[in-house]
Structures are given as structure tokens and as C-alpha cells.
Amino acid sequence: KLSDRSRGIVGADDLARMKPTAVLVNTSRGPLVDTDALL
């Protein structure tokens, strides 16, 4: 659920920990993921 507390809950540090073969899927709300970091 998107809230002020959860905005950007998937950030650059989280994406950096992912395997190079792993995939991320977001069907919830866009601002939960740091778009610049994902790009």
C-alpha cells in the first residue's frame, strides 16, 4: 500500500542487492519503486 512511509520502499540499495539475472515486477503503485534507480 502506498503511503508517505512506503514511498520509495524499493530503492537503489535494494536494487543493488539483486542478482544480475533477477527480475522486478510492480503491479501495486509506481512510487513504491525508485524509478531513477530502476532505470
All heavy atoms as atom14 arrays in JSON, in Angstrom:
{
  "sequence": "KLSDRSRGIVGADDLARMKPTAVLVNTSRGPLVDTDALL",
  "atom14_mask": [
    [1, 1, 1, 1, 1, 1, 1, 1, 1, 0, 0, 0, 0, 0],
    [1, 1, 1, 1, 1, 1, 1, 1, 0, 0, 0, 0, 0, 0],
    [1, 1, 1, 1, 1, 1, 0, 0, 0, 0, 0, 0, 0, 0],
    [1, 1, 1, 1, 1, 1, 1, 1, 0, 0, 0, 0, 0, 0],
    [1, 1, 1, 1, 1, 1, 1, 1, 1, 1, 1, 0, 0, 0],
    [1, 1, 1, 1, 1, 1, 0, 0, 0, 0, 0, 0, 0, 0],
    [1, 1, 1, 1, 1, 1, 1, 1, 1, 1, 1, 0, 0, 0],
    [1, 1, 1, 1, 0, 0, 0, 0, 0, 0, 0, 0, 0, 0],
    [1, 1, 1, 1, 1, 1, 1, 1, 0, 0, 0, 0, 0, 0],
    [1, 1, 1, 1, 1, 1, 1, 0, 0, 0, 0, 0, 0, 0],
    [1, 1, 1, 1, 0, 0, 0, 0, 0, 0, 0, 0, 0, 0],
    [1, 1, 1, 1, 1, 0, 0, 0, 0, 0, 0, 0, 0, 0],
    [1, 1, 1, 1, 1, 1, 1, 1, 0, 0, 0, 0, 0, 0],
    [1, 1, 1, 1, 1, 1, 1, 1, 0, 0, 0, 0, 0, 0],
    [1, 1, 1, 1, 1, 1, 1, 1, 0, 0, 0, 0, 0, 0],
    [1, 1, 1, 1, 1, 0, 0, 0, 0, 0, 0, 0, 0, 0],
    [1, 1, 1, 1, 1, 1, 1, 1, 1, 1, 1, 0, 0, 0],
    [1, 1, 1, 1, 1, 1, 1, 1, 0, 0, 0, 0, 0, 0],
    [1, 1, 1, 1, 1, 1, 1, 1, 1, 0, 0, 0, 0, 0],
    [1, 1, 1, 1, 1, 1, 1, 0, 0, 0, 0, 0, 0, 0],
    [1, 1, 1, 1, 1, 1, 1, 0, 0, 0, 0, 0, 0, 0],
    [1, 1, 1, 1, 1, 0, 0, 0, 0, 0, 0, 0, 0, 0],
    [1, 1, 1, 1, 1, 1, 1, 0, 0, 0, 0, 0, 0, 0],
    [1, 1, 1, 1, 1, 1, 1, 1, 0, 0, 0, 0, 0, 0],
    [1, 1, 1, 1, 1, 1, 1, 0, 0, 0, 0, 0, 0, 0],
    [1, 1, 1, 1, 1, 1, 1, 1, 0, 0, 0, 0, 0, 0],
    [1, 1, 1, 1, 1, 1, 1, 0, 0, 0, 0, 0, 0, 0],
    [1, 1, 1, 1, 1, 1, 0, 0, 0, 0, 0, 0, 0, 0],
    [1, 1, 1, 1, 1, 1, 1, 1, 1, 1, 1, 0, 0, 0],
    [1, 1, 1, 1, 0, 0, 0, 0, 0, 0, 0, 0, 0, 0],
    [1, 1, 1, 1, 1, 1, 1, 0, 0, 0, 0, 0, 0, 0],
    [1, 1, 1, 1, 1, 1, 1, 1, 0, 0, 0, 0, 0, 0],
    [1, 1, 1, 1, 1, 1, 1, 0, 0, 0, 0, 0, 0, 0],
    [1, 1, 1, 1, 1, 1, 1, 1, 0, 0, 0, 0, 0, 0],
    [1, 1, 1, 1, 1, 1, 1, 0, 0, 0, 0, 0, 0, 0],
    [1, 1, 1, 1, 1, 1, 1, 1, 0, 0, 0, 0, 0, 0],
    [1, 1, 1, 1, 1, 0, 0, 0, 0, 0, 0, 0, 0, 0],
    [1, 1, 1, 1, 1, 1, 1, 1, 0, 0, 0, 0, 0, 0],
    [1, 1, 1, 1, 1, 1, 1, 1, 0, 0, 0, 0, 0, 0]
  ],
  "atom14_positions": [
    [[0.85, -1.19, 0.0], [0.0, 0.0, 0.0], [0.88, 1.24, 0.0], [1.82, 1.35, 0.79], [-0.9, 0.01, 1.24], [-1.83, 1.2, 1.3], [-2.72, 1.12, 2.53], [-3.64, 2.34, 2.61], [-4.52, 2.29, 3.81], [0.0, 0.0, 0.0], [0.0, 0.0, 0.0], [0.0, 0.0, 0.0], [0.0, 0.0, 0.0], [0.0, 0.0, 0.0]],
    [[0.58, 2.19, -0.9], [1.38, 3.41, -0.98], [0.99, 4.38, 0.14], [-0.18, 4.67, 0.35], [1.17, 4.08, -2.33], [1.94, 5.38, -2.56], [3.44, 5.15, -2.5], [1.53, 6.02, -3.89], [0.0, 0.0, 0.0], [0.0, 0.0, 0.0], [0.0, 0.0, 0.0], [0.0, 0.0, 0.0], [0.0, 0.0, 0.0], [0.0, 0.0, 0.0]],
    [[2.0, 4.87, 0.82], [1.82, 5.89, 1.85], [3.11, 6.69, 1.91], [4.1, 6.37, 1.24], [1.53, 5.24, 3.21], [2.66, 4.52, 3.67], [0.0, 0.0, 0.0], [0.0, 0.0, 0.0], [0.0, 0.0, 0.0], [0.0, 0.0, 0.0], [0.0, 0.0, 0.0], [0.0, 0.0, 0.0], [0.0, 0.0, 0.0], [0.0, 0.0, 0.0]],
    [[3.11, 7.73, 2.73], [4.35, 8.5, 2.89], [5.48, 7.62, 3.39], [6.64, 7.81, 3.02], [4.12, 9.67, 3.86], [3.21, 10.74, 3.27], [3.09, 10.79, 2.03], [2.62, 11.52, 4.04], [0.0, 0.0, 0.0], [0.0, 0.0, 0.0], [0.0, 0.0, 0.0], [0.0, 0.0, 0.0], [0.0, 0.0, 0.0], [0.0, 0.0, 0.0]],
    [[5.14, 6.64, 4.22], [6.15, 5.77, 4.8], [6.7, 4.76, 3.8], [7.86, 4.35, 3.86], [5.58, 5.03, 6.01], [6.61, 4.24, 6.79], [5.98, 3.58, 8.0], [4.97, 2.59, 7.61], [4.27, 1.86, 8.47], [4.44, 2.05, 9.76], [3.39, 0.99, 8.05], [0.0, 0.0, 0.0], [0.0, 0.0, 0.0], [0.0, 0.0, 0.0]],
    [[5.85, 4.35, 2.84], [6.28, 3.31, 1.9], [6.77, 3.85, 0.57], [7.28, 3.08, -0.26], [5.12, 2.33, 1.64], [4.04, 2.99, 1.01], [0.0, 0.0, 0.0], [0.0, 0.0, 0.0], [0.0, 0.0, 0.0], [0.0, 0.0, 0.0], [0.0, 0.0, 0.0], [0.0, 0.0, 0.0], [0.0, 0.0, 0.0], [0.0, 0.0, 0.0]],
    [[6.64, 5.13, 0.34], [7.12, 5.71, -0.92], [8.62, 5.44, -1.06], [9.4, 5.7, -0.16], [6.85, 7.22, -0.92], [7.11, 7.9, -2.26], [6.71, 9.36, -2.18], [5.3, 9.51, -1.87], [4.32, 9.56, -2.77], [4.64, 9.47, -4.06], [3.07, 9.69, -2.41], [0.0, 0.0, 0.0], [0.0, 0.0, 0.0], [0.0, 0.0, 0.0]],
    [[9.02, 4.87, -2.21], [10.42, 4.54, -2.43], [10.92, 3.38, -1.6], [12.13, 3.25, -1.37], [0.0, 0.0, 0.0], [0.0, 0.0, 0.0], [0.0, 0.0, 0.0], [0.0, 0.0, 0.0], [0.0, 0.0, 0.0], [0.0, 0.0, 0.0], [0.0, 0.0, 0.0], [0.0, 0.0, 0.0], [0.0, 0.0, 0.0], [0.0, 0.0, 0.0]],
    [[10.01, 2.5, -1.19], [10.4, 1.39, -0.31], [11.34, 0.42, -1.03], [12.1, -0.32, -0.4], [9.15, 0.67, 0.25], [9.52, -0.1, 1.51], [8.5, -0.23, -0.8], [8.32, -0.52, 2.33], [0.0, 0.0, 0.0], [0.0, 0.0, 0.0], [0.0, 0.0, 0.0], [0.0, 0.0, 0.0], [0.0, 0.0, 0.0], [0.0, 0.0, 0.0]],
    [[11.3, 0.42, -2.36], [12.29, -0.32, -3.16], [13.23, 0.73, -3.74], [12.9, 1.43, -4.7], [11.63, -1.14, -4.27], [12.71, -1.86, -5.09], [10.65, -2.14, -3.69], [0.0, 0.0, 0.0], [0.0, 0.0, 0.0], [0.0, 0.0, 0.0], [0.0, 0.0, 0.0], [0.0, 0.0, 0.0], [0.0, 0.0, 0.0], [0.0, 0.0, 0.0]],
    [[14.4, 0.85, -3.13], [15.33, 1.9, -3.51], [16.59, 1.37, -4.17], [16.73, 0.18, -4.46], [0.0, 0.0, 0.0], [0.0, 0.0, 0.0], [0.0, 0.0, 0.0], [0.0, 0.0, 0.0], [0.0, 0.0, 0.0], [0.0, 0.0, 0.0], [0.0, 0.0, 0.0], [0.0, 0.0, 0.0], [0.0, 0.0, 0.0], [0.0, 0.0, 0.0]],
    [[17.53, 2.28, -4.37], [18.78, 1.93, -5.07], [19.54, 0.84, -4.34], [20.1, -0.07, -4.98], [19.64, 3.18, -5.21], [0.0, 0.0, 0.0], [0.0, 0.0, 0.0], [0.0, 0.0, 0.0], [0.0, 0.0, 0.0], [0.0, 0.0, 0.0], [0.0, 0.0, 0.0], [0.0, 0.0, 0.0], [0.0, 0.0, 0.0], [0.0, 0.0, 0.0]],
    [[19.58, 0.88, -3.02], [20.31, -0.14, -2.27], [19.68, -1.52, -2.46], [20.4, -2.53, -2.55], [20.33, 0.22, -0.78], [21.22, 1.42, -0.49], [22.02, 1.79, -1.36], [21.1, 1.98, 0.62], [0.0, 0.0, 0.0], [0.0, 0.0, 0.0], [0.0, 0.0, 0.0], [0.0, 0.0, 0.0], [0.0, 0.0, 0.0], [0.0, 0.0, 0.0]],
    [[18.35, -1.56, -2.5], [17.66, -2.85, -2.7], [17.95, -3.4, -4.09], [18.25, -4.59, -4.25], [16.14, -2.66, -2.52], [15.79, -2.08, -1.16], [16.23, -2.64, -0.15], [15.08, -1.06, -1.13], [0.0, 0.0, 0.0], [0.0, 0.0, 0.0], [0.0, 0.0, 0.0], [0.0, 0.0, 0.0], [0.0, 0.0, 0.0], [0.0, 0.0, 0.0]],
    [[17.87, -2.55, -5.08], [18.13, -3.0, -6.46], [19.58, -3.44, -6.62], [19.87, -4.39, -7.36], [17.82, -1.87, -7.44], [16.34, -1.44, -7.48], [16.18, -0.16, -8.29], [15.47, -2.55, -8.07], [0.0, 0.0, 0.0], [0.0, 0.0, 0.0], [0.0, 0.0, 0.0], [0.0, 0.0, 0.0], [0.0, 0.0, 0.0], [0.0, 0.0, 0.0]],
    [[20.49, -2.8, -5.9], [21.91, -3.16, -5.98], [22.16, -4.55, -5.42], [23.14, -5.22, -5.79], [22.76, -2.12, -5.25], [0.0, 0.0, 0.0], [0.0, 0.0, 0.0], [0.0, 0.0, 0.0], [0.0, 0.0, 0.0], [0.0, 0.0, 0.0], [0.0, 0.0, 0.0], [0.0, 0.0, 0.0], [0.0, 0.0, 0.0], [0.0, 0.0, 0.0]],
    [[21.32, -4.99, -4.5], [21.48, -6.32, -3.9], [20.97, -7.44, -4.8], [21.28, -8.61, -4.58], [20.76, -6.38, -2.55], [21.39, -5.5, -1.48], [20.71, -5.71, -0.13], [21.33, -4.87, 0.89], [20.9, -3.66, 1.21], [19.81, -3.17, 0.62], [21.53, -2.94, 2.11], [0.0, 0.0, 0.0], [0.0, 0.0, 0.0], [0.0, 0.0, 0.0]],
    [[20.14, -7.11, -5.79], [19.52, -8.15, -6.61], [20.55, -8.86, -7.49], [21.55, -8.28, -7.9], [18.42, -7.54, -7.48], [17.2, -7.08, -6.69], [15.92, -6.3, -7.72], [15.37, -7.71, -8.71], [0.0, 0.0, 0.0], [0.0, 0.0, 0.0], [0.0, 0.0, 0.0], [0.0, 0.0, 0.0], [0.0, 0.0, 0.0], [0.0, 0.0, 0.0]],
    [[20.27, -10.12, -7.78], [21.09, -10.88, -8.71], [21.04, -10.23, -10.09], [20.01, -9.67, -10.48], [20.58, -12.31, -8.82], [20.56, -13.12, -7.54], [19.95, -14.49, -7.81], [19.9, -15.35, -6.57], [19.31, -16.69, -6.84], [0.0, 0.0, 0.0], [0.0, 0.0, 0.0], [0.0, 0.0, 0.0], [0.0, 0.0, 0.0], [0.0, 0.0, 0.0]],
    [[22.08, -10.34, -10.87], [22.05, -9.76, -12.22], [21.05, -10.45, -13.15], [20.72, -9.91, -14.21], [23.49, -9.95, -12.71], [24.05, -11.03, -11.87], [23.39, -10.91, -10.53], [0.0, 0.0, 0.0], [0.0, 0.0, 0.0], [0.0, 0.0, 0.0], [0.0, 0.0, 0.0], [0.0, 0.0, 0.0], [0.0, 0.0, 0.0], [0.0, 0.0, 0.0]],
    [[20.58, -11.62, -12.74], [19.58, -12.34, -13.54], [18.16, -12.16, -13.01], [17.19, -12.61, -13.63], [19.9, -13.85, -13.55], [19.98, -14.31, -12.18], [21.21, -14.12, -14.26], [0.0, 0.0, 0.0], [0.0, 0.0, 0.0], [0.0, 0.0, 0.0], [0.0, 0.0, 0.0], [0.0, 0.0, 0.0], [0.0, 0.0, 0.0], [0.0, 0.0, 0.0]],
    [[18.01, -11.52, -11.85], [16.71, -11.42, -11.21], [15.85, -10.34, -11.86], [16.35, -9.39, -12.45], [16.87, -11.1, -9.72], [0.0, 0.0, 0.0], [0.0, 0.0, 0.0], [0.0, 0.0, 0.0], [0.0, 0.0, 0.0], [0.0, 0.0, 0.0], [0.0, 0.0, 0.0], [0.0, 0.0, 0.0], [0.0, 0.0, 0.0], [0.0, 0.0, 0.0]],
    [[14.53, -10.51, -11.73], [13.6, -9.54, -12.31], [12.74, -8.93, -11.21], [12.45, -9.57, -10.19], [12.72, -10.15, -13.41], [13.57, -10.76, -14.5], [11.77, -11.18, -12.83], [0.0, 0.0, 0.0], [0.0, 0.0, 0.0], [0.0, 0.0, 0.0], [0.0, 0.0, 0.0], [0.0, 0.0, 0.0], [0.0, 0.0, 0.0], [0.0, 0.0, 0.0]],
    [[12.32, -7.69, -11.45], [11.46, -6.97, -10.53], [10.12, -6.73, -11.22], [10.08, -6.29, -12.38], [12.08, -5.62, -10.15], [11.2, -4.71, -9.29], [11.18, -5.21, -7.84], [11.7, -3.27, -9.34], [0.0, 0.0, 0.0], [0.0, 0.0, 0.0], [0.0, 0.0, 0.0], [0.0, 0.0, 0.0], [0.0, 0.0, 0.0], [0.0, 0.0, 0.0]],
    [[9.02, -6.99, -10.49], [7.68, -6.75, -11.04], [6.92, -5.87, -10.06], [6.92, -6.12, -8.86], [6.94, -8.08, -11.28], [5.48, -7.82, -11.67], [7.64, -8.88, -12.37], [0.0, 0.0, 0.0], [0.0, 0.0, 0.0], [0.0, 0.0, 0.0], [0.0, 0.0, 0.0], [0.0, 0.0, 0.0], [0.0, 0.0, 0.0], [0.0, 0.0, 0.0]],
    [[6.28, -4.84, -10.59], [5.48, -3.93, -9.76], [4.11, -3.74, -10.38], [3.97, -3.13, -11.44], [6.18, -2.58, -9.59], [5.44, -1.67, -8.62], [4.51, -2.08, -7.93], [5.85, -0.41, -8.56], [0.0, 0.0, 0.0], [0.0, 0.0, 0.0], [0.0, 0.0, 0.0], [0.0, 0.0, 0.0], [0.0, 0.0, 0.0], [0.0, 0.0, 0.0]],
    [[3.09, -4.28, -9.72], [1.7, -4.08, -10.14], [0.92, -3.36, -9.05], [-0.31, -3.39, -9.05], [1.02, -5.42, -10.47], [1.1, -6.28, -9.32], [1.67, -6.1, -11.65], [0.0, 0.0, 0.0], [0.0, 0.0, 0.0], [0.0, 0.0, 0.0], [0.0, 0.0, 0.0], [0.0, 0.0, 0.0], [0.0, 0.0, 0.0], [0.0, 0.0, 0.0]],
    [[1.62, -2.73, -8.13], [0.98, -2.09, -6.99], [0.81, -0.59, -7.21], [-0.25, -0.13, -7.62], [1.78, -2.38, -5.71], [1.08, -1.92, -4.58], [0.0, 0.0, 0.0], [0.0, 0.0, 0.0], [0.0, 0.0, 0.0], [0.0, 0.0, 0.0], [0.0, 0.0, 0.0], [0.0, 0.0, 0.0], [0.0, 0.0, 0.0], [0.0, 0.0, 0.0]],
    [[1.85, 0.19, -6.96], [1.85, 1.63, -7.21], [3.26, 2.04, -7.64], [4.25, 1.61, -7.05], [1.44, 2.42, -5.97], [-0.02, 2.26, -5.57], [-0.97, 2.86, -6.59], [-2.36, 2.76, -6.19], [-3.15, 1.73, -6.42], [-2.66, 0.66, -7.07], [-4.42, 1.74, -6.04], [0.0, 0.0, 0.0], [0.0, 0.0, 0.0], [0.0, 0.0, 0.0]],
    [[3.34, 2.9, -8.63], [4.63, 3.3, -9.17], [5.6, 3.88, -8.17], [6.78, 3.51, -8.13], [0.0, 0.0, 0.0], [0.0, 0.0, 0.0], [0.0, 0.0, 0.0], [0.0, 0.0, 0.0], [0.0, 0.0, 0.0], [0.0, 0.0, 0.0], [0.0, 0.0, 0.0], [0.0, 0.0, 0.0], [0.0, 0.0, 0.0], [0.0, 0.0, 0.0]],
    [[5.17, 4.83, -7.32], [6.11, 5.49, -6.41], [6.7, 4.58, -5.34], [7.58, 5.02, -4.59], [5.25, 6.59, -5.77], [4.17, 6.87, -6.76], [3.86, 5.53, -7.34], [0.0, 0.0, 0.0], [0.0, 0.0, 0.0], [0.0, 0.0, 0.0], [0.0, 0.0, 0.0], [0.0, 0.0, 0.0], [0.0, 0.0, 0.0], [0.0, 0.0, 0.0]],
    [[6.26, 3.34, -5.23], [6.88, 2.42, -4.29], [8.31, 2.1, -4.71], [9.15, 1.74, -3.87], [6.07, 1.12, -4.2], [4.69, 1.23, -3.57], [3.88, -0.04, -3.84], [4.79, 1.48, -2.07], [0.0, 0.0, 0.0], [0.0, 0.0, 0.0], [0.0, 0.0, 0.0], [0.0, 0.0, 0.0], [0.0, 0.0, 0.0], [0.0, 0.0, 0.0]],
    [[8.61, 2.23, -5.99], [9.94, 1.91, -6.52], [10.61, 3.2, -6.97], [9.99, 4.04, -7.64], [9.84, 0.93, -7.7], [11.21, 0.65, -8.31], [9.17, -0.37, -7.26], [0.0, 0.0, 0.0], [0.0, 0.0, 0.0], [0.0, 0.0, 0.0], [0.0, 0.0, 0.0], [0.0, 0.0, 0.0], [0.0, 0.0, 0.0], [0.0, 0.0, 0.0]],
    [[11.87, 3.35, -6.63], [12.66, 4.5, -7.08], [12.92, 4.34, -8.58], [13.74, 3.52, -9.0], [13.99, 4.55, -6.31], [14.85, 5.74, -6.67], [14.79, 6.2, -7.82], [15.6, 6.2, -5.8], [0.0, 0.0, 0.0], [0.0, 0.0, 0.0], [0.0, 0.0, 0.0], [0.0, 0.0, 0.0], [0.0, 0.0, 0.0], [0.0, 0.0, 0.0]],
    [[12.19, 5.1, -9.38], [12.25, 4.92, -10.83], [13.63, 5.24, -11.39], [14.13, 4.52, -12.28], [11.2, 5.81, -11.52], [9.9, 5.42, -11.07], [11.25, 5.65, -13.03], [0.0, 0.0, 0.0], [0.0, 0.0, 0.0], [0.0, 0.0, 0.0], [0.0, 0.0, 0.0], [0.0, 0.0, 0.0], [0.0, 0.0, 0.0], [0.0, 0.0, 0.0]],
    [[14.27, 6.29, -10.92], [15.61, 6.62, -11.41], [16.6, 5.5, -11.12], [17.43, 5.14, -11.98], [16.1, 7.92, -10.78], [15.34, 9.15, -11.28], [14.72, 9.06, -12.35], [15.36, 10.18, -10.58], [0.0, 0.0, 0.0], [0.0, 0.0, 0.0], [0.0, 0.0, 0.0], [0.0, 0.0, 0.0], [0.0, 0.0, 0.0], [0.0, 0.0, 0.0]],
    [[16.5, 4.93, -9.93], [17.4, 3.83, -9.57], [17.11, 2.6, -10.42], [18.02, 1.88, -10.84], [17.25, 3.49, -8.08], [0.0, 0.0, 0.0], [0.0, 0.0, 0.0], [0.0, 0.0, 0.0], [0.0, 0.0, 0.0], [0.0, 0.0, 0.0], [0.0, 0.0, 0.0], [0.0, 0.0, 0.0], [0.0, 0.0, 0.0], [0.0, 0.0, 0.0]],
    [[15.83, 2.35, -10.7], [15.47, 1.21, -11.55], [15.99, 1.4, -12.96], [16.55, 0.46, -13.56], [13.95, 1.04, -11.56], [13.41, -0.07, -12.48], [13.97, -1.43, -12.08], [11.88, -0.08, -12.45], [0.0, 0.0, 0.0], [0.0, 0.0, 0.0], [0.0, 0.0, 0.0], [0.0, 0.0, 0.0], [0.0, 0.0, 0.0], [0.0, 0.0, 0.0]],
    [[15.83, 2.59, -13.5], [16.34, 2.86, -14.85], [17.85, 2.64, -14.91], [18.37, 2.04, -15.87], [15.99, 4.28, -15.26], [14.54, 4.5, -15.71], [14.22, 5.99, -15.73], [14.31, 3.88, -17.08], [0.0, 0.0, 0.0], [0.0, 0.0, 0.0], [0.0, 0.0, 0.0], [0.0, 0.0, 0.0], [0.0, 0.0, 0.0], [0.0, 0.0, 0.0]]
  ]
}
